[in-house]
Amino acid sequence: MNRTIKHLSEICQKHRFEEKLLFVPYYAVGHQVTEHLAKSGTPWINLRLKTPSGYANELVAADLSAAGITLITPHERFIITENLYHDNIPAGKKE
């Protein structure tokens, strides 16, 4: 068993009913880790997967909301990027 998975398994067994946060770069990585834990027979109850940016957003969400600030969605970022790109193409190069 991978050393990291083994260590995580020990933590999950020792602190079975306590909440545990596992920071992962992407949720897909976290799902792979929890799948490996399950296949090894390790109960991973109360293990919450978090990305650093997702956790940071959770921490400041209430303050941002109180200040009237909302974050843009990935779809909105895409639209803004597309508009900026198309606005900056030289006139002769536009499709």
N, C-alpha and C. Protein backbone atom coordinates (compact mmCIF):
# COMPACT_ATOMS: atom_id res chain seq x y z
N MET A 1 0.85 -1.18 0.00
CA MET A 1 0.00 0.00 0.00
C MET A 1 0.90 1.24 0.00
N ASN A 2 0.53 2.23 -0.76
CA ASN A 2 1.23 3.50 -0.84
C ASN A 2 1.35 4.10 0.57
N ARG A 3 2.50 4.70 0.87
CA ARG A 3 2.75 5.25 2.21
C ARG A 3 1.72 6.32 2.60
N THR A 4 1.37 7.17 1.64
CA THR A 4 0.40 8.23 1.91
C THR A 4 -0.97 7.64 2.21
N ILE A 5 -1.39 6.67 1.39
CA ILE A 5 -2.69 6.02 1.60
C ILE A 5 -2.69 5.28 2.93
N LYS A 6 -1.56 4.64 3.26
CA LYS A 6 -1.46 3.92 4.53
C LYS A 6 -1.62 4.89 5.70
N HIS A 7 -0.95 6.03 5.62
CA HIS A 7 -1.04 7.03 6.68
C HIS A 7 -2.47 7.58 6.79
N LEU A 8 -3.08 7.86 5.66
CA LEU A 8 -4.46 8.35 5.65
C LEU A 8 -5.41 7.29 6.22
N SER A 9 -5.15 6.04 5.89
CA SER A 9 -5.96 4.94 6.42
C SER A 9 -5.87 4.89 7.94
N GLU A 10 -4.67 5.06 8.48
CA GLU A 10 -4.48 5.06 9.94
C GLU A 10 -5.26 6.21 10.59
N ILE A 11 -5.22 7.38 9.96
CA ILE A 11 -5.94 8.55 10.49
C ILE A 11 -7.44 8.29 10.48
N CYS A 12 -7.93 7.74 9.36
CA CYS A 12 -9.38 7.46 9.25
C CYS A 12 -9.84 6.44 10.28
N GLN A 13 -9.01 5.45 10.57
CA GLN A 13 -9.38 4.44 11.55
C GLN A 13 -9.30 4.99 12.97
N LYS A 14 -8.28 5.80 13.23
CA LYS A 14 -8.08 6.34 14.58
C LYS A 14 -9.16 7.39 14.92
N HIS A 15 -9.56 8.17 13.94
CA HIS A 15 -10.52 9.26 14.15
C HIS A 15 -11.78 9.01 13.33
N ARG A 16 -12.30 7.81 13.45
CA ARG A 16 -13.39 7.34 12.59
C ARG A 16 -14.58 8.29 12.52
N PHE A 17 -15.07 8.78 13.65
CA PHE A 17 -16.30 9.57 13.65
C PHE A 17 -16.06 11.08 13.71
N GLU A 18 -14.80 11.49 13.71
CA GLU A 18 -14.49 12.92 13.71
C GLU A 18 -14.42 13.41 12.27
N GLU A 19 -14.74 14.68 12.07
CA GLU A 19 -14.64 15.25 10.73
C GLU A 19 -13.17 15.40 10.34
N LYS A 20 -12.87 15.02 9.12
CA LYS A 20 -11.51 15.11 8.59
C LYS A 20 -11.56 15.80 7.23
N LEU A 21 -10.67 16.75 7.00
CA LEU A 21 -10.58 17.43 5.71
C LEU A 21 -9.37 16.90 4.96
N LEU A 22 -9.58 16.55 3.71
CA LEU A 22 -8.49 16.11 2.85
C LEU A 22 -8.41 17.10 1.70
N PHE A 23 -7.33 17.86 1.67
CA PHE A 23 -7.14 18.83 0.59
C PHE A 23 -6.53 18.14 -0.61
N VAL A 24 -7.20 18.31 -1.75
CA VAL A 24 -6.78 17.68 -3.00
C VAL A 24 -6.73 18.74 -4.09
N PRO A 25 -5.88 18.53 -5.11
CA PRO A 25 -5.80 19.53 -6.18
C PRO A 25 -7.08 19.58 -7.02
N TYR A 26 -7.71 18.42 -7.19
CA TYR A 26 -8.96 18.30 -7.95
C TYR A 26 -9.82 17.26 -7.25
N TYR A 27 -11.13 17.40 -7.37
CA TYR A 27 -12.02 16.43 -6.73
C TYR A 27 -11.83 15.03 -7.30
N ALA A 28 -11.44 14.94 -8.58
CA ALA A 28 -11.21 13.63 -9.19
C ALA A 28 -10.10 12.88 -8.45
N VAL A 29 -9.08 13.59 -8.03
CA VAL A 29 -7.99 12.97 -7.26
C VAL A 29 -8.52 12.46 -5.93
N GLY A 30 -9.34 13.26 -5.27
CA GLY A 30 -9.93 12.85 -4.00
C GLY A 30 -10.80 11.62 -4.14
N HIS A 31 -11.54 11.55 -5.23
CA HIS A 31 -12.39 10.37 -5.45
C HIS A 31 -11.54 9.12 -5.67
N GLN A 32 -10.40 9.28 -6.33
CA GLN A 32 -9.49 8.14 -6.51
C GLN A 32 -8.94 7.68 -5.17
N VAL A 33 -8.60 8.63 -4.31
CA VAL A 33 -8.06 8.30 -2.99
C VAL A 33 -9.12 7.56 -2.16
N THR A 34 -10.35 8.09 -2.15
CA THR A 34 -11.39 7.44 -1.34
C THR A 34 -11.76 6.07 -1.91
N GLU A 35 -11.69 5.93 -3.23
CA GLU A 35 -11.94 4.62 -3.83
C GLU A 35 -10.87 3.62 -3.40
N HIS A 36 -9.62 4.08 -3.37
CA HIS A 36 -8.53 3.21 -2.93
C HIS A 36 -8.71 2.83 -1.45
N LEU A 37 -9.13 3.79 -0.63
CA LEU A 37 -9.38 3.50 0.78
C LEU A 37 -10.49 2.45 0.92
N ALA A 38 -11.56 2.62 0.16
CA ALA A 38 -12.68 1.68 0.23
C ALA A 38 -12.24 0.28 -0.20
N LYS A 39 -11.46 0.19 -1.26
CA LYS A 39 -11.01 -1.11 -1.76
C LYS A 39 -10.06 -1.80 -0.77
N SER A 40 -9.37 -0.99 0.03
CA SER A 40 -8.46 -1.57 1.01
C SER A 40 -9.18 -1.92 2.31
N GLY A 41 -10.49 -1.63 2.36
CA GLY A 41 -11.27 -1.96 3.55
C GLY A 41 -11.25 -0.89 4.63
N THR A 42 -10.76 0.29 4.30
CA THR A 42 -10.69 1.38 5.27
C THR A 42 -11.97 2.19 5.27
N PRO A 43 -12.63 2.30 6.41
CA PRO A 43 -13.82 3.17 6.47
C PRO A 43 -13.36 4.63 6.46
N TRP A 44 -13.94 5.42 5.58
CA TRP A 44 -13.51 6.82 5.50
C TRP A 44 -14.68 7.77 5.78
N ILE A 45 -15.51 7.38 6.74
CA ILE A 45 -16.65 8.19 7.13
C ILE A 45 -16.17 9.55 7.65
N ASN A 46 -16.91 10.58 7.33
CA ASN A 46 -16.61 11.96 7.76
C ASN A 46 -15.30 12.51 7.19
N LEU A 47 -14.84 11.94 6.08
CA LEU A 47 -13.67 12.49 5.37
C LEU A 47 -14.21 13.38 4.27
N ARG A 48 -13.97 14.68 4.39
CA ARG A 48 -14.47 15.64 3.41
C ARG A 48 -13.35 16.04 2.47
N LEU A 49 -13.63 15.99 1.19
CA LEU A 49 -12.67 16.39 0.17
C LEU A 49 -12.82 17.88 -0.08
N LYS A 50 -11.71 18.57 -0.13
CA LYS A 50 -11.72 20.02 -0.37
C LYS A 50 -10.57 20.40 -1.28
N THR A 51 -10.85 21.33 -2.20
CA THR A 51 -9.76 21.95 -2.93
C THR A 51 -9.40 23.22 -2.17
N PRO A 52 -8.18 23.68 -2.26
CA PRO A 52 -7.82 24.90 -1.54
C PRO A 52 -8.69 26.10 -1.93
N SER A 53 -8.96 26.25 -3.23
CA SER A 53 -9.78 27.40 -3.64
C SER A 53 -11.23 27.24 -3.17
N GLY A 54 -11.75 26.02 -3.20
CA GLY A 54 -13.11 25.79 -2.72
C GLY A 54 -13.23 26.08 -1.24
N TYR A 55 -12.22 25.68 -0.47
CA TYR A 55 -12.23 25.93 0.97
C TYR A 55 -12.12 27.42 1.26
N ALA A 56 -11.25 28.11 0.52
CA ALA A 56 -11.11 29.55 0.69
C ALA A 56 -12.43 30.26 0.38
N ASN A 57 -13.10 29.82 -0.68
CA ASN A 57 -14.40 30.41 -1.02
C ASN A 57 -15.41 30.20 0.10
N GLU A 58 -15.41 29.01 0.70
CA GLU A 58 -16.32 28.75 1.82
C GLU A 58 -16.04 29.69 2.99
N LEU A 59 -14.76 29.92 3.26
CA LEU A 59 -14.40 30.75 4.41
C LEU A 59 -14.83 32.21 4.24
N VAL A 60 -14.80 32.72 3.02
CA VAL A 60 -15.10 34.14 2.81
C VAL A 60 -16.49 34.38 2.23
N ALA A 61 -17.24 33.33 1.95
CA ALA A 61 -18.54 33.48 1.29
C ALA A 61 -19.48 34.43 2.03
N ALA A 62 -19.59 34.27 3.33
CA ALA A 62 -20.51 35.12 4.10
C ALA A 62 -20.08 36.59 4.05
N ASP A 63 -18.77 36.84 4.20
CA ASP A 63 -18.27 38.22 4.16
C ASP A 63 -18.48 38.84 2.79
N LEU A 64 -18.22 38.07 1.73
CA LEU A 64 -18.43 38.58 0.38
C LEU A 64 -19.90 38.90 0.14
N SER A 65 -20.77 38.01 0.59
CA SER A 65 -22.20 38.21 0.41
C SER A 65 -22.67 39.46 1.16
N ALA A 66 -22.18 39.63 2.38
CA ALA A 66 -22.56 40.81 3.17
C ALA A 66 -22.11 42.10 2.51
N ALA A 67 -20.99 42.02 1.78
CA ALA A 67 -20.46 43.20 1.09
C ALA A 67 -21.08 43.37 -0.30
N GLY A 68 -21.97 42.44 -0.68
CA GLY A 68 -22.62 42.53 -1.98
C GLY A 68 -21.74 42.07 -3.13
N ILE A 69 -20.73 41.29 -2.81
CA ILE A 69 -19.80 40.80 -3.84
C ILE A 69 -20.16 39.37 -4.20
N THR A 70 -20.24 39.10 -5.48
CA THR A 70 -20.46 37.73 -5.94
C THR A 70 -19.32 37.34 -6.88
N LEU A 71 -18.96 36.08 -6.84
CA LEU A 71 -17.91 35.58 -7.72
C LEU A 71 -18.53 35.17 -9.05
N ILE A 72 -17.77 35.33 -10.11
CA ILE A 72 -18.30 34.91 -11.40
C ILE A 72 -18.12 33.40 -11.56
N THR A 73 -18.99 32.82 -12.34
CA THR A 73 -18.95 31.38 -12.57
C THR A 73 -17.92 31.05 -13.66
N PRO A 74 -17.52 29.79 -13.78
CA PRO A 74 -16.61 29.42 -14.87
C PRO A 74 -17.20 29.77 -16.24
N HIS A 75 -18.50 29.62 -16.41
CA HIS A 75 -19.13 29.96 -17.68
C HIS A 75 -19.00 31.46 -17.96
N GLU A 76 -19.20 32.27 -16.94
CA GLU A 76 -19.06 33.72 -17.12
C GLU A 76 -17.62 34.10 -17.44
N ARG A 77 -16.65 33.42 -16.80
CA ARG A 77 -15.24 33.68 -17.13
C ARG A 77 -14.96 33.36 -18.59
N PHE A 78 -15.54 32.26 -19.09
CA PHE A 78 -15.35 31.86 -20.47
C PHE A 78 -15.89 32.93 -21.41
N ILE A 79 -17.10 33.42 -21.14
CA ILE A 79 -17.71 34.44 -21.99
C ILE A 79 -16.87 35.72 -22.01
N ILE A 80 -16.40 36.14 -20.84
CA ILE A 80 -15.58 37.35 -20.76
C ILE A 80 -14.29 37.16 -21.56
N THR A 81 -13.65 36.01 -21.40
CA THR A 81 -12.41 35.73 -22.13
C THR A 81 -12.65 35.74 -23.63
N GLU A 82 -13.73 35.09 -24.06
CA GLU A 82 -14.07 35.07 -25.50
C GLU A 82 -14.31 36.48 -26.02
N ASN A 83 -15.05 37.28 -25.28
CA ASN A 83 -15.32 38.65 -25.71
C ASN A 83 -14.03 39.47 -25.80
N LEU A 84 -13.17 39.34 -24.82
CA LEU A 84 -11.89 40.07 -24.86
C LEU A 84 -11.05 39.63 -26.04
N TYR A 85 -11.04 38.34 -26.31
CA TYR A 85 -10.27 37.82 -27.44
C TYR A 85 -10.80 38.39 -28.75
N HIS A 86 -12.12 38.32 -28.94
CA HIS A 86 -12.70 38.79 -30.19
C HIS A 86 -12.62 40.30 -30.34
N ASP A 87 -12.65 41.03 -29.24
CA ASP A 87 -12.52 42.50 -29.30
C ASP A 87 -11.11 42.93 -29.67
N ASN A 88 -10.12 42.06 -29.46
CA ASN A 88 -8.73 42.44 -29.70
C ASN A 88 -8.11 41.80 -30.93
N ILE A 89 -8.90 41.14 -31.76
CA ILE A 89 -8.40 40.61 -33.02
C ILE A 89 -8.33 41.75 -34.02
N PRO A 90 -7.20 41.92 -34.71
CA PRO A 90 -7.11 42.99 -35.72
C PRO A 90 -8.22 42.83 -36.77
N ALA A 91 -8.70 43.97 -37.31
CA ALA A 91 -9.85 44.00 -38.21
C ALA A 91 -9.71 43.02 -39.39
N GLY A 92 -8.54 42.91 -39.99
CA GLY A 92 -8.36 42.05 -41.15
C GLY A 92 -8.33 40.57 -40.81
N LYS A 93 -8.19 40.21 -39.55
CA LYS A 93 -8.06 38.83 -39.13
C LYS A 93 -9.36 38.20 -38.64
N LYS A 94 -10.41 39.00 -38.49
CA LYS A 94 -11.68 38.47 -37.98
C LYS A 94 -12.30 37.52 -38.97
N GLU A 95 -12.95 36.50 -38.46
CA GLU A 95 -13.60 35.50 -39.30
C GLU A 95 -14.89 35.98 -39.87
